[in-house]
Structure formats: structure tokens, C-alpha cells
Amino acid sequence: QKKVKEISIKNENLEENIEITLGGFKSIGKKIYPAIIEISAGNVNSKIKIEIKKIEFNAIENLSFIPGTNYEKVVVR
């Protein structure tokens, strides 16, 4: 399928490393997307698993993020 399956973001401090795994690829028409996204952070044993059960592909000009209560928006470089 020629799709990215793993992403590693590394830092000198191993606790700040982030691993992202994409899997369970599905397709809608000509669009292919990962149905399972797993994000793990460093050696702190933290893991987030996202399962996409329903998705719509619409043309979006701007995607904006609105943080919830007690969360702040941080720009990742």
C-alpha cells in the first residue's frame, strides 16, 4: 500500500521519545487511512490508542483546534 506504518520522534533524553504506529488500513473509494493509531511516549509507559470506526472525507480549507478546559494549545516544531 506504500503507506507510513511507524513514526519515531527522538530526543537525546529517551523519556521524551514518541513512537506512533499506524495500522488496520482501510479504504473508502481511492482514499486509504489507518483505522488504528497508537501513540506511546518514552520510557514512562504511556500509550494512547485511537480506533477510527467512522470517517468522512470532505474538503476542509482550515482545520482549527480548540483546546478543552484545563488544556493549553502548544505548537509542535
Protein backbone atom coordinates (compact mmCIF):
# COMPACT_ATOMS: atom_id res chain seq x y z
CA GLN A 1 0.00 0.00 0.00
CA LYS A 2 3.07 2.23 0.33
CA LYS A 3 1.74 3.94 3.47
CA VAL A 4 3.70 5.06 6.53
CA LYS A 5 3.34 2.46 9.31
CA GLU A 6 5.68 3.79 12.00
CA ILE A 7 6.90 7.23 13.05
CA SER A 8 9.66 7.86 15.61
CA ILE A 9 10.35 11.25 17.13
CA LYS A 10 13.61 11.02 19.06
CA ASN A 11 15.42 13.25 21.51
CA GLU A 12 18.66 12.88 23.46
CA ASN A 13 16.55 12.25 26.54
CA LEU A 14 14.97 8.82 25.98
CA GLU A 15 11.97 9.73 28.13
CA GLU A 16 10.92 12.32 25.56
CA ASN A 17 10.82 9.92 22.59
CA ILE A 18 7.47 9.42 20.87
CA GLU A 19 6.53 6.38 18.79
CA ILE A 20 3.47 6.41 16.52
CA THR A 21 2.22 3.20 14.90
CA LEU A 22 -0.39 3.21 12.14
CA GLY A 23 -2.25 0.03 11.21
CA GLY A 24 -5.51 -1.62 10.19
CA PHE A 25 -5.56 0.34 6.95
CA LYS A 26 -8.98 0.64 5.30
CA SER A 27 -10.18 2.38 2.18
CA ILE A 28 -13.12 4.47 1.08
CA GLY A 29 -13.04 4.85 -2.68
CA LYS A 30 -9.48 5.86 -3.57
CA LYS A 31 -8.65 7.16 -0.08
CA ILE A 32 -6.71 4.87 2.28
CA TYR A 33 -6.49 5.64 6.01
CA PRO A 34 -5.22 3.93 9.19
CA ALA A 35 -8.09 2.62 11.33
CA ILE A 36 -5.79 2.13 14.34
CA ILE A 37 -3.33 4.74 15.59
CA GLU A 38 -1.16 4.04 18.65
CA ILE A 39 0.99 6.72 20.29
CA SER A 40 3.48 5.84 23.03
CA ALA A 41 5.77 8.19 24.92
CA GLY A 42 9.30 7.32 26.04
CA ASN A 43 10.01 5.07 28.97
CA VAL A 44 7.06 6.31 31.03
CA ASN A 45 4.83 3.51 29.74
CA SER A 46 2.17 5.93 28.45
CA LYS A 47 0.11 4.82 25.49
CA ILE A 48 -2.83 6.26 23.56
CA LYS A 49 -4.81 4.06 21.19
CA ILE A 50 -7.18 5.63 18.66
CA GLU A 51 -9.59 3.43 16.73
CA ILE A 52 -11.35 5.07 13.78
CA LYS A 53 -14.71 3.39 13.28
CA LYS A 54 -16.34 6.00 11.06
CA ILE A 55 -14.71 8.66 8.90
CA GLU A 56 -15.80 11.21 6.32
CA PHE A 57 -13.54 12.83 3.74
CA ASN A 58 -14.73 16.34 2.99
CA ALA A 59 -12.76 19.26 1.62
CA ILE A 60 -11.68 21.39 4.58
CA GLU A 61 -9.84 24.64 3.98
CA ASN A 62 -8.76 25.24 7.57
CA LEU A 63 -8.62 22.80 10.46
CA SER A 64 -8.67 24.54 13.82
CA PHE A 65 -8.01 23.06 17.25
CA ILE A 66 -9.95 24.30 20.24
CA PRO A 67 -8.40 23.04 23.50
CA GLY A 68 -10.74 21.82 26.20
CA THR A 69 -10.91 23.04 29.79
CA ASN A 70 -7.56 22.93 31.62
CA TYR A 71 -5.64 22.24 28.39
CA GLU A 72 -3.42 24.66 26.53
CA LYS A 73 -2.54 24.80 22.87
CA VAL A 74 1.16 24.05 22.27
CA VAL A 75 2.81 24.47 18.86
CA VAL A 76 4.96 21.42 18.00
CA ARG A 77 8.03 22.17 15.93
